[in-house]
Amino acid sequence: MDCANQTTTAADLVIYIGSMISDQTTLNFTAPSKDTKILQIDIDGAELGKNYPKTYGVMGDAKTVMDQLEAVIEEKSRNEWRAKVKEFVAKDLARWDANAEQGDGPIQTGFLCKTFSDMLPDDAIISADTGWSATWASCTFRTKPTQKFMRAGGSLGWGFPAAIGAKCGNPDKPVFAFVGDGAFYYHLSELETAVRYGINVNVILNNNSHFNQCIPYVAEAYVGDEAGYEVYRNKVEFRPTNFAAVADAFGAKGFRVTDPKDLKETIEKAMAIDGPTVVEVITDPTCAPVPAFIAE
């Protein structure tokens, strides 16, 4: 969330444990800035100081190094700093809560995420696909310590197969895949696998008939070239597909939600079924996550 970017930007020292400190984890190397002091702990020495010049590198197993540091670090209150970070968090949560408001129109993706998050069982495992699915999920799902959240970053579409794997490893826990329609096209055939082997994964499908993450950046790139923009836009828009019917055809149980009033009840029905399910939610294609924090 943006509060994390604001926190690392305002900090005078940032400690990274087992992180590549890449462009994605640092908002393209702006949060924190390149002038910030970094303590980087990693078992791979080649990672130390690779992307930030003011890095104090510690090569070793993360748990071992943290145990060693804990033994020598003195406890300090830092009340002023804690209050500042709490303010970052509160402002960020307020922005995302506003993004989740639902009116009488099409289903808003923020509303879908909040409704689903509030319904998650205490022992749930959630796999969120890459792209905006990960952004929506990581910023709107309010997970508990007893729940597990996986961000299936990297190759688009593997959030669903990742959920299947999680269910195989945790057969007694409820497992959910949160995916977009563009991602689900990649591996929806794994519904047959789930049905054949009785792998009871629940898919929450955000269907906006777009590769929606691409559109804002492409629109910016094509400013002044409306014809070129429309040509590209046609490549990231999809014909309407009834994924609930597709799920039924595979032998799973499909549900389709077009009215926000039906969302909670439909997810409850899907959760109660002993078998793979797909809850396809038709959302407003103009929905976008809260704009990212830009370091000043």
C-alpha atoms as a PDB file:
ATOM      1  CA  MET A   1       0.000   0.000   0.000  1.00  0.00           C
ATOM      2  CA  ASP A   2       1.013   3.605  -0.406  1.00  0.00           C
ATOM      3  CA  CYS A   3       1.542   3.963   3.331  1.00  0.00           C
ATOM      4  CA  ALA A   4       4.495   1.574   2.957  1.00  0.00           C
ATOM      5  CA  ASN A   5       5.979   3.770   0.212  1.00  0.00           C
ATOM      6  CA  GLN A   6       5.477   6.850   2.378  1.00  0.00           C
ATOM      7  CA  THR A   7       7.069   5.112   5.347  1.00  0.00           C
ATOM      8  CA  THR A   8      10.187   4.016   3.477  1.00  0.00           C
ATOM      9  CA  THR A   9      10.488   7.475   1.902  1.00  0.00           C
ATOM     10  CA  ALA A  10      10.336   9.225   5.279  1.00  0.00           C
ATOM     11  CA  ALA A  11      12.668   6.786   7.055  1.00  0.00           C
ATOM     12  CA  ASP A  12      16.366   7.505   7.641  1.00  0.00           C
ATOM     13  CA  LEU A  13      17.186   3.779   7.582  1.00  0.00           C
ATOM     14  CA  VAL A  14      15.328   0.960   5.814  1.00  0.00           C
ATOM     15  CA  ILE A  15      16.039  -2.712   6.557  1.00  0.00           C
ATOM     16  CA  TYR A  16      15.352  -5.210   3.772  1.00  0.00           C
ATOM     17  CA  ILE A  17      15.309  -8.908   4.652  1.00  0.00           C
ATOM     18  CA  GLY A  18      15.558 -11.358   1.748  1.00  0.00           C
ATOM     19  CA  SER A  19      14.354  -8.762  -0.767  1.00  0.00           C
ATOM     20  CA  MET A  20      15.784  -8.092  -4.215  1.00  0.00           C
ATOM     21  CA  ILE A  21      14.933  -4.396  -3.670  1.00  0.00           C
ATOM     22  CA  SER A  22      13.740  -4.220  -7.257  1.00  0.00           C
ATOM     23  CA  ASP A  23      11.861  -1.534  -9.179  1.00  0.00           C
ATOM     24  CA  GLN A  24       8.496  -3.025  -8.188  1.00  0.00           C
ATOM     25  CA  THR A  25       9.217  -3.127  -4.456  1.00  0.00           C
ATOM     26  CA  THR A  26      10.580   0.442  -4.393  1.00  0.00           C
ATOM     27  CA  LEU A  27       8.178   2.271  -6.751  1.00  0.00           C
ATOM     28  CA  ASN A  28      10.851   2.367  -9.465  1.00  0.00           C
ATOM     29  CA  PHE A  29      13.610   3.180  -6.960  1.00  0.00           C
ATOM     30  CA  THR A  30      11.877   6.261  -5.556  1.00  0.00           C
ATOM     31  CA  ALA A  31      10.581   4.841  -2.262  1.00  0.00           C
ATOM     32  CA  PRO A  32      13.048   4.988  -0.623  1.00  0.00           C
ATOM     33  CA  SER A  33      15.241   7.395  -2.530  1.00  0.00           C
ATOM     34  CA  LYS A  34      18.723   6.418  -3.642  1.00  0.00           C
ATOM     35  CA  ASP A  35      20.145   8.614  -0.844  1.00  0.00           C
ATOM     36  CA  THR A  36      18.539   6.546   1.915  1.00  0.00           C
ATOM     37  CA  LYS A  37      20.715   4.314   4.084  1.00  0.00           C
ATOM     38  CA  ILE A  38      19.836   0.652   3.559  1.00  0.00           C
ATOM     39  CA  LEU A  39      20.568  -2.416   5.659  1.00  0.00           C
ATOM     40  CA  GLN A  40      20.158  -5.399   3.342  1.00  0.00           C
ATOM     41  CA  ILE A  41      20.141  -8.959   4.659  1.00  0.00           C
ATOM     42  CA  ASP A  42      20.350 -11.702   2.045  1.00  0.00           C
ATOM     43  CA  ILE A  43      21.848 -15.159   1.702  1.00  0.00           C
ATOM     44  CA  ASP A  44      22.966 -14.280  -1.846  1.00  0.00           C
ATOM     45  CA  GLY A  45      25.924 -11.920  -1.723  1.00  0.00           C
ATOM     46  CA  ALA A  46      25.347 -10.826  -5.320  1.00  0.00           C
ATOM     47  CA  GLU A  47      22.151  -9.066  -4.212  1.00  0.00           C
ATOM     48  CA  LEU A  48      23.807  -6.884  -1.592  1.00  0.00           C
ATOM     49  CA  GLY A  49      23.994  -3.239  -2.648  1.00  0.00           C
ATOM     50  CA  LYS A  50      23.045  -4.074  -6.231  1.00  0.00           C
ATOM     51  CA  ASN A  51      20.472  -1.299  -6.600  1.00  0.00           C
ATOM     52  CA  TYR A  52      21.088   1.149  -3.762  1.00  0.00           C
ATOM     53  CA  PRO A  53      24.530   2.766  -3.282  1.00  0.00           C
ATOM     54  CA  LYS A  54      24.259   3.477   0.463  1.00  0.00           C
ATOM     55  CA  THR A  55      23.791  -0.169   1.438  1.00  0.00           C
ATOM     56  CA  TYR A  56      25.188  -1.956   4.451  1.00  0.00           C
ATOM     57  CA  GLY A  57      25.120  -5.576   3.357  1.00  0.00           C
ATOM     58  CA  VAL A  58      24.854  -8.583   5.664  1.00  0.00           C
ATOM     59  CA  MET A  59      25.174 -11.939   3.932  1.00  0.00           C
ATOM     60  CA  GLY A  60      23.566 -14.840   5.726  1.00  0.00           C
ATOM     61  CA  ASP A  61      20.426 -16.807   6.488  1.00  0.00           C
ATOM     62  CA  ALA A  62      17.631 -14.346   7.299  1.00  0.00           C
ATOM     63  CA  LYS A  63      16.493 -16.083  10.500  1.00  0.00           C
ATOM     64  CA  THR A  64      20.034 -16.505  11.813  1.00  0.00           C
ATOM     65  CA  VAL A  65      20.958 -12.880  11.146  1.00  0.00           C
ATOM     66  CA  MET A  66      17.724 -11.566  12.688  1.00  0.00           C
ATOM     67  CA  ASP A  67      18.298 -13.655  15.824  1.00  0.00           C
ATOM     68  CA  GLN A  68      21.795 -12.168  16.071  1.00  0.00           C
ATOM     69  CA  LEU A  69      20.522  -8.609  15.594  1.00  0.00           C
ATOM     70  CA  GLU A  70      17.730  -9.077  18.113  1.00  0.00           C
ATOM     71  CA  ALA A  71      20.285 -10.044  20.732  1.00  0.00           C
ATOM     72  CA  VAL A  72      22.172  -6.729  20.422  1.00  0.00           C
ATOM     73  CA  ILE A  73      19.457  -4.177  19.516  1.00  0.00           C
ATOM     74  CA  GLU A  74      18.148  -2.026  22.354  1.00  0.00           C
ATOM     75  CA  GLU A  75      14.400  -1.471  22.615  1.00  0.00           C
ATOM     76  CA  LYS A  76      13.296   2.097  21.947  1.00  0.00           C
ATOM     77  CA  SER A  77       9.827   3.617  21.956  1.00  0.00           C
ATOM     78  CA  ARG A  78      10.107   6.098  19.038  1.00  0.00           C
ATOM     79  CA  ASN A  79       6.586   7.341  19.758  1.00  0.00           C
ATOM     80  CA  GLU A  80       6.829  10.277  17.361  1.00  0.00           C
ATOM     81  CA  TRP A  81       7.825   8.012  14.468  1.00  0.00           C
ATOM     82  CA  ARG A  82       5.127   5.474  15.302  1.00  0.00           C
ATOM     83  CA  ALA A  83       2.502   8.219  15.313  1.00  0.00           C
ATOM     84  CA  LYS A  84       3.702   9.443  11.927  1.00  0.00           C
ATOM     85  CA  VAL A  85       3.458   5.968  10.388  1.00  0.00           C
ATOM     86  CA  LYS A  86      -0.010   5.448  11.896  1.00  0.00           C
ATOM     87  CA  GLU A  87      -1.080   8.654  10.162  1.00  0.00           C
ATOM     88  CA  PHE A  88       0.214   7.325   6.818  1.00  0.00           C
ATOM     89  CA  VAL A  89      -1.764   4.104   7.344  1.00  0.00           C
ATOM     90  CA  ALA A  90      -4.972   5.863   8.409  1.00  0.00           C
ATOM     91  CA  LYS A  91      -4.972   8.170   5.374  1.00  0.00           C
ATOM     92  CA  ASP A  92      -4.290   5.270   3.026  1.00  0.00           C
ATOM     93  CA  LEU A  93      -7.063   3.131   4.496  1.00  0.00           C
ATOM     94  CA  ALA A  94      -9.486   6.048   4.173  1.00  0.00           C
ATOM     95  CA  ARG A  95      -8.678   6.398   0.465  1.00  0.00           C
ATOM     96  CA  TRP A  96      -9.223   2.704  -0.174  1.00  0.00           C
ATOM     97  CA  ASP A  97     -12.432   2.660   1.859  1.00  0.00           C
ATOM     98  CA  ALA A  98     -13.747   5.492  -0.315  1.00  0.00           C
ATOM     99  CA  ASN A  99     -12.762   3.490  -3.380  1.00  0.00           C
ATOM    100  CA  ALA A 100     -14.949   0.614  -2.108  1.00  0.00           C
ATOM    101  CA  GLU A 101     -18.168   2.638  -2.022  1.00  0.00           C
ATOM    102  CA  GLN A 102     -20.986   1.203  -4.133  1.00  0.00           C
ATOM    103  CA  GLY A 103     -23.831   3.175  -5.707  1.00  0.00           C
ATOM    104  CA  ASP A 104     -26.722   2.063  -7.883  1.00  0.00           C
ATOM    105  CA  GLY A 105     -24.597   1.543 -10.989  1.00  0.00           C
ATOM    106  CA  PRO A 106     -22.321  -1.321 -12.083  1.00  0.00           C
ATOM    107  CA  ILE A 107     -20.437  -3.311  -9.464  1.00  0.00           C
ATOM    108  CA  GLN A 108     -17.305  -1.477  -8.350  1.00  0.00           C
ATOM    109  CA  THR A 109     -14.184  -3.589  -7.994  1.00  0.00           C
ATOM    110  CA  GLY A 110     -13.385  -1.976  -4.646  1.00  0.00           C
ATOM    111  CA  PHE A 111     -16.822  -3.001  -3.384  1.00  0.00           C
ATOM    112  CA  LEU A 112     -16.255  -6.549  -4.610  1.00  0.00           C
ATOM    113  CA  CYS A 113     -12.930  -6.716  -2.780  1.00  0.00           C
ATOM    114  CA  LYS A 114     -14.270  -5.319   0.490  1.00  0.00           C
ATOM    115  CA  THR A 115     -17.320  -7.596   0.455  1.00  0.00           C
ATOM    116  CA  PHE A 116     -15.202 -10.660  -0.255  1.00  0.00           C
ATOM    117  CA  SER A 117     -12.546  -9.706   2.312  1.00  0.00           C
ATOM    118  CA  ASP A 118     -15.139  -9.283   5.050  1.00  0.00           C
ATOM    119  CA  MET A 119     -16.498 -12.777   4.329  1.00  0.00           C
ATOM    120  CA  LEU A 120     -13.228 -14.711   4.342  1.00  0.00           C
ATOM    121  CA  PRO A 121     -13.050 -17.557   6.866  1.00  0.00           C
ATOM    122  CA  ASP A 122     -10.483 -17.130   9.633  1.00  0.00           C
ATOM    123  CA  ASP A 123      -8.299 -19.924   8.224  1.00  0.00           C
ATOM    124  CA  ALA A 124      -8.602 -18.939   4.552  1.00  0.00           C
ATOM    125  CA  ILE A 125      -5.772 -19.065   2.035  1.00  0.00           C
ATOM    126  CA  ILE A 126      -6.026 -16.490  -0.762  1.00  0.00           C
ATOM    127  CA  SER A 127      -4.083 -16.490  -4.020  1.00  0.00           C
ATOM    128  CA  ALA A 128      -4.229 -13.225  -5.963  1.00  0.00           C
ATOM    129  CA  ASP A 129      -3.166 -13.115  -9.591  1.00  0.00           C
ATOM    130  CA  THR A 130      -0.622 -10.673 -10.917  1.00  0.00           C
ATOM    131  CA  GLY A 131      -1.465  -7.259 -12.392  1.00  0.00           C
ATOM    132  CA  TRP A 132      -4.275  -5.205 -10.910  1.00  0.00           C
ATOM    133  CA  SER A 133      -5.690  -8.286  -9.176  1.00  0.00           C
ATOM    134  CA  ALA A 134      -2.636  -8.178  -6.916  1.00  0.00           C
ATOM    135  CA  THR A 135      -3.006  -4.428  -6.411  1.00  0.00           C
ATOM    136  CA  TRP A 136      -6.680  -4.674  -5.517  1.00  0.00           C
ATOM    137  CA  ALA A 137      -6.173  -7.660  -3.235  1.00  0.00           C
ATOM    138  CA  SER A 138      -3.058  -6.512  -1.388  1.00  0.00           C
ATOM    139  CA  CYS A 139      -4.521  -3.067  -0.729  1.00  0.00           C
ATOM    140  CA  THR A 140      -8.130  -3.964   0.114  1.00  0.00           C
ATOM    141  CA  PHE A 141      -8.099  -7.396   1.733  1.00  0.00           C
ATOM    142  CA  ARG A 142      -7.852  -7.035   5.524  1.00  0.00           C
ATOM    143  CA  THR A 143      -6.285 -10.397   6.325  1.00  0.00           C
ATOM    144  CA  LYS A 144      -5.859 -11.810   9.821  1.00  0.00           C
ATOM    145  CA  PRO A 145      -2.782 -13.527  11.298  1.00  0.00           C
ATOM    146  CA  THR A 146      -4.602 -16.854  10.939  1.00  0.00           C
ATOM    147  CA  GLN A 147      -5.088 -16.338   7.183  1.00  0.00           C
ATOM    148  CA  LYS A 148      -2.503 -16.674   4.423  1.00  0.00           C
ATOM    149  CA  PHE A 149      -2.170 -14.409   1.382  1.00  0.00           C
ATOM    150  CA  MET A 150      -0.172 -15.267  -1.741  1.00  0.00           C
ATOM    151  CA  ARG A 151       0.582 -12.724  -4.434  1.00  0.00           C
ATOM    152  CA  ALA A 152       1.042 -14.818  -7.560  1.00  0.00           C
ATOM    153  CA  GLY A 153       3.337 -12.273  -9.186  1.00  0.00           C
ATOM    154  CA  GLY A 154       5.132 -12.788 -12.456  1.00  0.00           C
ATOM    155  CA  SER A 155       3.425 -14.727 -15.233  1.00  0.00           C
ATOM    156  CA  LEU A 156      -0.162 -13.604 -15.727  1.00  0.00           C
ATOM    157  CA  GLY A 157      -2.768 -16.249 -14.991  1.00  0.00           C
ATOM    158  CA  TRP A 158      -1.094 -18.538 -12.499  1.00  0.00           C
ATOM    159  CA  GLY A 159      -3.122 -17.302  -9.520  1.00  0.00           C
ATOM    160  CA  PHE A 160      -5.658 -20.068 -10.168  1.00  0.00           C
ATOM    161  CA  PRO A 161      -3.121 -22.914 -10.539  1.00  0.00           C
ATOM    162  CA  ALA A 162      -1.344 -21.543  -7.447  1.00  0.00           C
ATOM    163  CA  ALA A 163      -4.617 -21.830  -5.518  1.00  0.00           C
ATOM    164  CA  ILE A 164      -5.000 -25.435  -6.719  1.00  0.00           C
ATOM    165  CA  GLY A 165      -1.518 -26.176  -5.381  1.00  0.00           C
ATOM    166  CA  ALA A 166      -2.310 -24.459  -2.089  1.00  0.00           C
ATOM    167  CA  LYS A 167      -5.453 -26.556  -1.706  1.00  0.00           C
ATOM    168  CA  CYS A 168      -3.542 -29.761  -2.398  1.00  0.00           C
ATOM    169  CA  GLY A 169      -1.101 -28.803   0.348  1.00  0.00           C
ATOM    170  CA  ASN A 170      -3.851 -27.674   2.725  1.00  0.00           C
ATOM    171  CA  PRO A 171      -6.864 -29.894   2.001  1.00  0.00           C
ATOM    172  CA  ASP A 172      -8.651 -28.955   5.225  1.00  0.00           C
ATOM    173  CA  LYS A 173      -8.521 -25.191   4.685  1.00  0.00           C
ATOM    174  CA  PRO A 174     -10.713 -23.027   2.420  1.00  0.00           C
ATOM    175  CA  VAL A 175      -8.693 -21.765  -0.552  1.00  0.00           C
ATOM    176  CA  PHE A 176      -9.657 -18.905  -2.856  1.00  0.00           C
ATOM    177  CA  ALA A 177      -8.248 -17.548  -6.101  1.00  0.00           C
ATOM    178  CA  PHE A 178      -8.856 -13.859  -6.818  1.00  0.00           C
ATOM    179  CA  VAL A 179      -8.327 -13.325 -10.552  1.00  0.00           C
ATOM    180  CA  GLY A 180      -9.255 -11.079 -13.443  1.00  0.00           C
ATOM    181  CA  ASP A 181     -10.846 -12.313 -16.644  1.00  0.00           C
ATOM    182  CA  GLY A 182      -7.710 -11.605 -18.682  1.00  0.00           C
ATOM    183  CA  ALA A 183      -5.702 -13.789 -16.324  1.00  0.00           C
ATOM    184  CA  PHE A 184      -8.304 -16.539 -16.067  1.00  0.00           C
ATOM    185  CA  TYR A 185      -8.237 -17.102 -19.832  1.00  0.00           C
ATOM    186  CA  TYR A 186      -4.672 -18.403 -19.510  1.00  0.00           C
ATOM    187  CA  HIS A 187      -5.355 -21.450 -17.342  1.00  0.00           C
ATOM    188  CA  LEU A 188      -9.117 -21.866 -17.058  1.00  0.00           C
ATOM    189  CA  SER A 189      -8.676 -25.397 -18.437  1.00  0.00           C
ATOM    190  CA  GLU A 190      -7.340 -26.316 -14.995  1.00  0.00           C
ATOM    191  CA  LEU A 191     -10.994 -26.318 -13.938  1.00  0.00           C
ATOM    192  CA  GLU A 192     -11.064 -29.794 -15.465  1.00  0.00           C
ATOM    193  CA  THR A 193      -8.134 -30.791 -13.249  1.00  0.00           C
ATOM    194  CA  ALA A 194      -9.875 -29.424 -10.153  1.00  0.00           C
ATOM    195  CA  VAL A 195     -13.107 -31.251 -10.975  1.00  0.00           C
ATOM    196  CA  ARG A 196     -11.411 -34.524 -11.900  1.00  0.00           C
ATOM    197  CA  TYR A 197      -9.376 -34.705  -8.701  1.00  0.00           C
ATOM    198  CA  GLY A 198     -11.900 -33.072  -6.392  1.00  0.00           C
ATOM    199  CA  ILE A 199      -9.724 -30.055  -5.604  1.00  0.00           C
ATOM    200  CA  ASN A 200     -12.249 -27.702  -4.058  1.00  0.00           C
ATOM    201  CA  VAL A 201     -10.932 -24.250  -4.928  1.00  0.00           C
ATOM    202  CA  ASN A 202     -13.197 -21.191  -4.929  1.00  0.00           C
ATOM    203  CA  VAL A 203     -12.509 -18.704  -7.739  1.00  0.00           C
ATOM    204  CA  ILE A 204     -13.598 -15.085  -7.361  1.00  0.00           C
ATOM    205  CA  LEU A 205     -13.451 -13.723 -10.906  1.00  0.00           C
ATOM    206  CA  ASN A 206     -13.391  -9.980 -11.504  1.00  0.00           C
ATOM    207  CA  ASN A 207     -14.790  -9.827 -15.054  1.00  0.00           C
ATOM    208  CA  ASN A 208     -14.515  -6.399 -16.673  1.00  0.00           C
ATOM    209  CA  SER A 209     -13.903  -7.720 -20.214  1.00  0.00           C
ATOM    210  CA  HIS A 210     -10.493  -6.041 -20.353  1.00  0.00           C
ATOM    211  CA  PHE A 211      -6.804  -6.342 -19.709  1.00  0.00           C
ATOM    212  CA  ASN A 212      -7.631  -3.328 -17.586  1.00  0.00           C
ATOM    213  CA  GLN A 213      -4.200  -2.621 -16.125  1.00  0.00           C
ATOM    214  CA  CYS A 214      -2.838  -1.799 -19.564  1.00  0.00           C
ATOM    215  CA  ILE A 215      -5.367   0.865 -20.497  1.00  0.00           C
ATOM    216  CA  PRO A 216      -4.333   3.920 -18.402  1.00  0.00           C
ATOM    217  CA  TYR A 217      -0.676   3.673 -19.412  1.00  0.00           C
ATOM    218  CA  VAL A 218      -1.493   3.111 -23.068  1.00  0.00           C
ATOM    219  CA  ALA A 219      -3.952   6.014 -23.054  1.00  0.00           C
ATOM    220  CA  GLU A 220      -1.173   8.245 -21.750  1.00  0.00           C
ATOM    221  CA  ALA A 221       1.242   6.983 -24.391  1.00  0.00           C
ATOM    222  CA  TYR A 222      -1.270   7.626 -27.200  1.00  0.00           C
ATOM    223  CA  VAL A 223      -2.196  11.198 -26.234  1.00  0.00           C
ATOM    224  CA  GLY A 224      -2.910  13.039 -29.484  1.00  0.00           C
ATOM    225  CA  ASP A 225      -3.200   9.809 -31.457  1.00  0.00           C
ATOM    226  CA  GLU A 226      -6.794   8.700 -30.973  1.00  0.00           C
ATOM    227  CA  ALA A 227      -6.733   6.372 -33.971  1.00  0.00           C
ATOM    228  CA  GLY A 228      -3.652   4.567 -32.684  1.00  0.00           C
ATOM    229  CA  TYR A 229      -5.150   4.337 -29.212  1.00  0.00           C
ATOM    230  CA  GLU A 230      -8.346   2.730 -30.515  1.00  0.00           C
ATOM    231  CA  VAL A 231      -6.327   0.170 -32.478  1.00  0.00           C
ATOM    232  CA  TYR A 232      -4.470  -0.793 -29.324  1.00  0.00           C
ATOM    233  CA  ARG A 233      -7.570  -0.660 -27.143  1.00  0.00           C
ATOM    234  CA  ASN A 234      -9.230  -3.259 -29.346  1.00  0.00           C
ATOM    235  CA  LYS A 235      -6.358  -5.587 -28.485  1.00  0.00           C
ATOM    236  CA  VAL A 236      -7.004  -5.422 -24.745  1.00  0.00           C
ATOM    237  CA  GLU A 237     -10.796  -5.611 -24.813  1.00  0.00           C
ATOM    238  CA  PHE A 238     -12.628  -8.941 -24.856  1.00  0.00           C
ATOM    239  CA  ARG A 239     -15.975 -10.058 -26.171  1.00  0.00           C
ATOM    240  CA  PRO A 240     -18.413 -10.748 -23.306  1.00  0.00           C
ATOM    241  CA  THR A 241     -17.757 -14.244 -21.969  1.00  0.00           C
ATOM    242  CA  ASN A 242     -19.963 -16.135 -19.533  1.00  0.00           C
ATOM    243  CA  PHE A 243     -17.364 -17.779 -17.326  1.00  0.00           C
ATOM    244  CA  ALA A 244     -20.051 -19.166 -15.025  1.00  0.00           C
ATOM    245  CA  ALA A 245     -21.369 -21.203 -17.967  1.00  0.00           C
ATOM    246  CA  VAL A 246     -17.815 -22.270 -18.807  1.00  0.00           C
ATOM    247  CA  ALA A 247     -17.346 -23.478 -15.221  1.00  0.00           C
ATOM    248  CA  ASP A 248     -20.569 -25.474 -15.439  1.00  0.00           C
ATOM    249  CA  ALA A 249     -19.406 -27.022 -18.705  1.00  0.00           C
ATOM    250  CA  PHE A 250     -16.261 -28.264 -16.972  1.00  0.00           C
ATOM    251  CA  GLY A 251     -18.343 -29.821 -14.199  1.00  0.00           C
ATOM    252  CA  ALA A 252     -17.657 -27.133 -11.605  1.00  0.00           C
ATOM    253  CA  LYS A 253     -20.350 -24.852 -10.208  1.00  0.00           C
ATOM    254  CA  GLY A 254     -20.561 -21.418 -11.763  1.00  0.00           C
ATOM    255  CA  PHE A 255     -22.307 -18.310 -10.440  1.00  0.00           C
ATOM    256  CA  ARG A 256     -22.758 -14.967 -12.216  1.00  0.00           C
ATOM    257  CA  VAL A 257     -23.288 -11.696 -10.331  1.00  0.00           C
ATOM    258  CA  THR A 258     -24.419  -8.527 -12.107  1.00  0.00           C
ATOM    259  CA  ASP A 259     -26.189  -6.771  -9.223  1.00  0.00           C
ATOM    260  CA  PRO A 260     -24.213  -5.621  -6.166  1.00  0.00           C
ATOM    261  CA  LYS A 261     -27.144  -6.580  -3.939  1.00  0.00           C
ATOM    262  CA  ASP A 262     -26.620 -10.250  -4.867  1.00  0.00           C
ATOM    263  CA  LEU A 263     -22.868 -10.356  -4.267  1.00  0.00           C
ATOM    264  CA  LYS A 264     -22.668 -11.414  -0.612  1.00  0.00           C
ATOM    265  CA  GLU A 265     -25.392 -14.053  -0.879  1.00  0.00           C
ATOM    266  CA  THR A 266     -23.824 -15.552  -3.997  1.00  0.00           C
ATOM    267  CA  ILE A 267     -20.367 -15.840  -2.432  1.00  0.00           C
ATOM    268  CA  GLU A 268     -21.957 -17.479   0.608  1.00  0.00           C
ATOM    269  CA  LYS A 269     -23.628 -20.069  -1.652  1.00  0.00           C
ATOM    270  CA  ALA A 270     -20.333 -20.805  -3.381  1.00  0.00           C
ATOM    271  CA  MET A 271     -18.505 -21.213  -0.072  1.00  0.00           C
ATOM    272  CA  ALA A 272     -21.074 -23.785   1.061  1.00  0.00           C
ATOM    273  CA  ILE A 273     -20.555 -26.061  -1.958  1.00  0.00           C
ATOM    274  CA  ASP A 274     -18.329 -29.126  -1.680  1.00  0.00           C
ATOM    275  CA  GLY A 275     -16.565 -28.760  -5.018  1.00  0.00           C
ATOM    276  CA  PRO A 276     -14.732 -26.273  -7.257  1.00  0.00           C
ATOM    277  CA  THR A 277     -16.670 -23.046  -7.816  1.00  0.00           C
ATOM    278  CA  VAL A 278     -16.385 -19.906  -9.913  1.00  0.00           C
ATOM    279  CA  VAL A 279     -18.124 -16.713  -8.812  1.00  0.00           C
ATOM    280  CA  GLU A 280     -18.012 -14.452 -11.845  1.00  0.00           C
ATOM    281  CA  VAL A 281     -18.625 -10.814 -10.896  1.00  0.00           C
ATOM    282  CA  ILE A 282     -19.349  -8.385 -13.733  1.00  0.00           C
ATOM    283  CA  THR A 283     -17.627  -5.159 -12.728  1.00  0.00           C
ATOM    284  CA  ASP A 284     -17.373  -1.632 -14.054  1.00  0.00           C
ATOM    285  CA  PRO A 285     -14.508  -1.547 -16.601  1.00  0.00           C
ATOM    286  CA  THR A 286     -13.709   2.054 -15.652  1.00  0.00           C
ATOM    287  CA  CYS A 287     -12.704   1.012 -12.111  1.00  0.00           C
ATOM    288  CA  ALA A 288      -9.084   1.644 -11.192  1.00  0.00           C
ATOM    289  CA  PRO A 289      -7.123   1.223  -7.957  1.00  0.00           C
ATOM    290  CA  VAL A 290      -6.286   4.269  -5.863  1.00  0.00           C
ATOM    291  CA  PRO A 291      -3.530   6.274  -7.608  1.00  0.00           C
ATOM    292  CA  ALA A 292      -0.055   5.428  -6.396  1.00  0.00           C
ATOM    293  CA  PHE A 293       1.918   7.629  -4.024  1.00  0.00           C
ATOM    294  CA  ILE A 294       4.567   9.670  -5.821  1.00  0.00           C
ATOM    295  CA  ALA A 295       7.638  10.573  -3.803  1.00  0.00           C
ATOM    296  CA  GLU A 296       8.359  14.297  -3.775  1.00  0.00           C
END
